[in-house]
């Protein structure tokens, strides 16, 4: 009964993390609202000096813009939380599922794997950015953040293998 309750809480937290990531992504794509009307502000006419070119109704943006900076920071924070939760899980005597216990117990190696996962996520986002798939560029980070945070929540919710 207690385990079932924990799993429901874990599922709700994972869903909440994914929905929060999706909401951030969708909110960033909405056009800005005019302060004195409910209609969206019309975009400025495209000129040679205006860097925001519209392709397929999605504006082209710099890769290192504020939104991506926040997403990449969120992915890094999610991976750091996963790192800390995995070490905590191993200290409590629980076995690692995705990697070997030897990898997680080797802290510098495991930190390098977590950093490489963050870098890979940024690299995949850049590939989507460079090919014009800007929604996928943001969804890559949103999903990675949700999965990393969900994994950390799961790790913290596991029961210890030995009595404290």
Protein backbone atom coordinates (compact mmCIF):
# COMPACT_ATOMS: atom_id res chain seq x y z
CA UNK A 1 0.00 0.00 0.00
CA UNK A 2 2.77 2.42 0.93
CA UNK A 3 4.71 1.58 -2.25
CA UNK A 4 1.58 2.08 -4.37
CA UNK A 5 1.03 5.55 -2.85
CA UNK A 6 4.67 6.47 -3.53
CA UNK A 7 4.38 5.37 -7.15
CA UNK A 8 1.24 7.50 -7.63
CA UNK A 9 3.03 10.51 -6.17
CA UNK A 10 6.03 9.83 -8.41
CA UNK A 11 3.82 9.54 -11.49
CA UNK A 12 2.05 12.80 -10.66
CA UNK A 13 5.38 14.62 -10.14
CA UNK A 14 6.78 13.30 -13.43
CA UNK A 15 3.62 14.37 -15.24
CA UNK A 16 3.82 17.78 -13.59
CA UNK A 17 7.46 18.18 -14.68
CA UNK A 18 6.60 17.26 -18.27
CA UNK A 19 3.59 19.58 -18.34
CA UNK A 20 5.65 22.43 -16.92
CA UNK A 21 8.23 21.92 -19.66
CA UNK A 22 5.54 21.82 -22.33
CA UNK A 23 3.90 24.95 -20.94
CA UNK A 24 7.23 26.81 -21.00
CA UNK A 25 7.76 25.80 -24.61
CA UNK A 26 4.26 26.81 -25.71
CA UNK A 27 4.35 30.10 -23.80
CA UNK A 28 7.57 31.05 -25.53
CA UNK A 29 5.93 30.58 -28.94
CA UNK A 30 2.92 32.85 -28.30
CA UNK A 31 3.06 36.30 -29.90
CA UNK A 32 3.42 39.24 -27.49
CA UNK A 33 0.19 40.96 -26.47
CA UNK A 34 -0.42 44.68 -26.87
CA UNK A 35 -0.89 46.36 -23.45
CA UNK A 36 -4.04 48.24 -24.55
CA UNK A 37 -5.81 45.53 -26.58
CA UNK A 38 -6.42 41.80 -26.61
CA UNK A 39 -5.18 41.40 -30.18
CA UNK A 40 -1.64 40.18 -30.79
CA UNK A 41 0.90 42.77 -31.82
CA UNK A 42 1.58 42.67 -35.54
CA UNK A 43 5.19 41.84 -36.37
CA UNK A 44 7.39 44.58 -37.77
CA UNK A 45 7.80 44.57 -41.53
CA UNK A 46 10.76 42.52 -42.67
CA UNK A 47 13.67 44.67 -43.81
CA UNK A 48 17.30 44.05 -44.44
CA UNK A 49 18.12 45.34 -40.93
CA UNK A 50 15.51 43.21 -39.11
CA UNK A 51 17.17 39.91 -38.08
CA UNK A 52 13.87 38.14 -37.24
CA UNK A 53 13.01 36.41 -40.51
CA UNK A 54 9.83 34.31 -40.56
CA UNK A 55 9.96 30.81 -42.06
CA UNK A 56 6.92 28.51 -41.80
CA UNK A 57 5.33 30.93 -39.28
CA UNK A 58 8.24 30.43 -36.84
CA UNK A 59 10.76 33.23 -36.36
CA UNK A 60 14.40 32.41 -36.84
CA UNK A 61 16.30 33.28 -33.70
CA UNK A 62 19.85 33.18 -32.46
CA UNK A 63 20.77 29.80 -31.01
CA UNK A 64 22.09 31.28 -27.76
CA UNK A 65 18.99 33.37 -27.03
CA UNK A 66 17.37 33.79 -23.62
CA UNK A 67 14.89 30.94 -24.10
CA UNK A 68 17.54 28.41 -25.06
CA UNK A 69 19.79 29.62 -22.24
CA UNK A 70 16.99 28.89 -19.77
CA UNK A 71 16.25 25.50 -21.31
CA UNK A 72 19.92 24.46 -21.28
CA UNK A 73 20.25 25.60 -17.67
CA UNK A 74 17.16 23.54 -16.82
CA UNK A 75 18.64 20.48 -18.53
CA UNK A 76 21.92 20.97 -16.64
CA UNK A 77 20.04 21.35 -13.35
CA UNK A 78 18.00 18.22 -14.09
CA UNK A 79 21.17 16.25 -14.82
CA UNK A 80 22.82 17.58 -11.63
CA UNK A 81 19.74 16.55 -9.66
CA UNK A 82 19.90 13.11 -11.28
CA UNK A 83 23.60 12.87 -10.33
CA UNK A 84 22.89 13.74 -6.69
CA UNK A 85 19.87 11.45 -6.47
CA UNK A 86 21.79 8.52 -7.97
CA UNK A 87 24.62 8.94 -5.46
CA UNK A 88 22.07 9.16 -2.65
CA UNK A 89 20.37 6.03 -3.95
CA UNK A 90 23.68 4.11 -4.02
CA UNK A 91 24.55 5.26 -0.47
CA UNK A 92 21.24 3.75 0.65
CA UNK A 93 22.19 0.41 -0.92
CA UNK A 94 19.86 0.52 -3.94
CA UNK A 95 21.27 -0.82 -7.22
CA UNK A 96 21.46 1.35 -10.32
CA UNK A 97 19.18 0.32 -13.18
CA UNK A 98 20.46 2.06 -16.34
CA UNK A 99 24.20 2.12 -15.65
CA UNK A 100 26.36 -0.28 -13.71
CA UNK A 101 26.94 0.30 -10.01
CA UNK A 102 30.66 0.64 -10.77
CA UNK A 103 30.04 3.61 -13.06
CA UNK A 104 27.84 5.42 -10.53
CA UNK A 105 30.29 4.67 -7.70
CA UNK A 106 33.12 6.22 -9.75
CA UNK A 107 32.07 9.83 -9.11
CA UNK A 108 34.32 11.61 -11.65
CA UNK A 109 33.29 9.18 -14.41
CA UNK A 110 29.61 9.51 -13.54
CA UNK A 111 29.86 13.33 -13.43
CA UNK A 112 31.48 13.21 -16.87
CA UNK A 113 28.62 11.08 -18.21
CA UNK A 114 26.06 13.53 -16.82
CA UNK A 115 27.95 16.48 -18.37
CA UNK A 116 28.20 14.62 -21.69
CA UNK A 117 24.44 13.98 -21.63
CA UNK A 118 23.84 17.71 -21.15
CA UNK A 119 26.25 18.54 -23.98
CA UNK A 120 24.57 15.95 -26.24
CA UNK A 121 21.19 17.54 -25.56
CA UNK A 122 22.56 20.96 -26.53
CA UNK A 123 24.12 19.42 -29.64
CA UNK A 124 20.85 17.82 -30.74
CA UNK A 125 19.08 21.14 -30.14
CA UNK A 126 21.68 22.86 -32.32
CA UNK A 127 21.13 20.32 -35.12
CA UNK A 128 17.40 21.05 -35.02
CA UNK A 129 18.10 24.79 -34.90
CA UNK A 130 20.44 24.71 -37.87
CA UNK A 131 17.93 22.76 -39.97
CA UNK A 132 15.07 25.13 -39.10
CA UNK A 133 13.17 22.78 -36.77
CA UNK A 134 12.76 25.29 -33.95
CA UNK A 135 9.90 23.53 -32.19
CA UNK A 136 11.92 20.32 -32.02
CA UNK A 137 14.89 22.38 -30.84
CA UNK A 138 12.91 23.46 -27.77
CA UNK A 139 11.10 20.15 -27.25
CA UNK A 140 14.46 18.35 -27.07
CA UNK A 141 15.40 20.35 -23.99
CA UNK A 142 11.90 20.17 -22.50
CA UNK A 143 11.75 16.39 -22.75
CA UNK A 144 15.32 15.94 -21.50
CA UNK A 145 14.59 18.18 -18.52
CA UNK A 146 11.40 16.24 -17.73
CA UNK A 147 13.04 12.84 -18.00
CA UNK A 148 16.08 13.83 -15.91
CA UNK A 149 13.91 15.41 -13.22
CA UNK A 150 11.51 12.46 -13.26
CA UNK A 151 14.43 10.05 -12.84
CA UNK A 152 15.74 12.05 -9.89
CA UNK A 153 12.30 12.05 -8.27
CA UNK A 154 12.13 8.29 -8.76
CA UNK A 155 15.58 7.80 -7.23
CA UNK A 156 14.66 9.79 -4.14
CA UNK A 157 11.37 7.92 -3.73
CA UNK A 158 12.93 4.43 -3.67
CA UNK A 159 13.06 2.63 -0.36
CA UNK A 160 16.49 1.97 1.13
CA UNK A 161 17.85 -1.54 0.71
CA UNK A 162 19.30 -1.57 4.22
CA UNK A 163 17.95 -0.30 7.53
CA UNK A 164 19.20 3.13 8.59
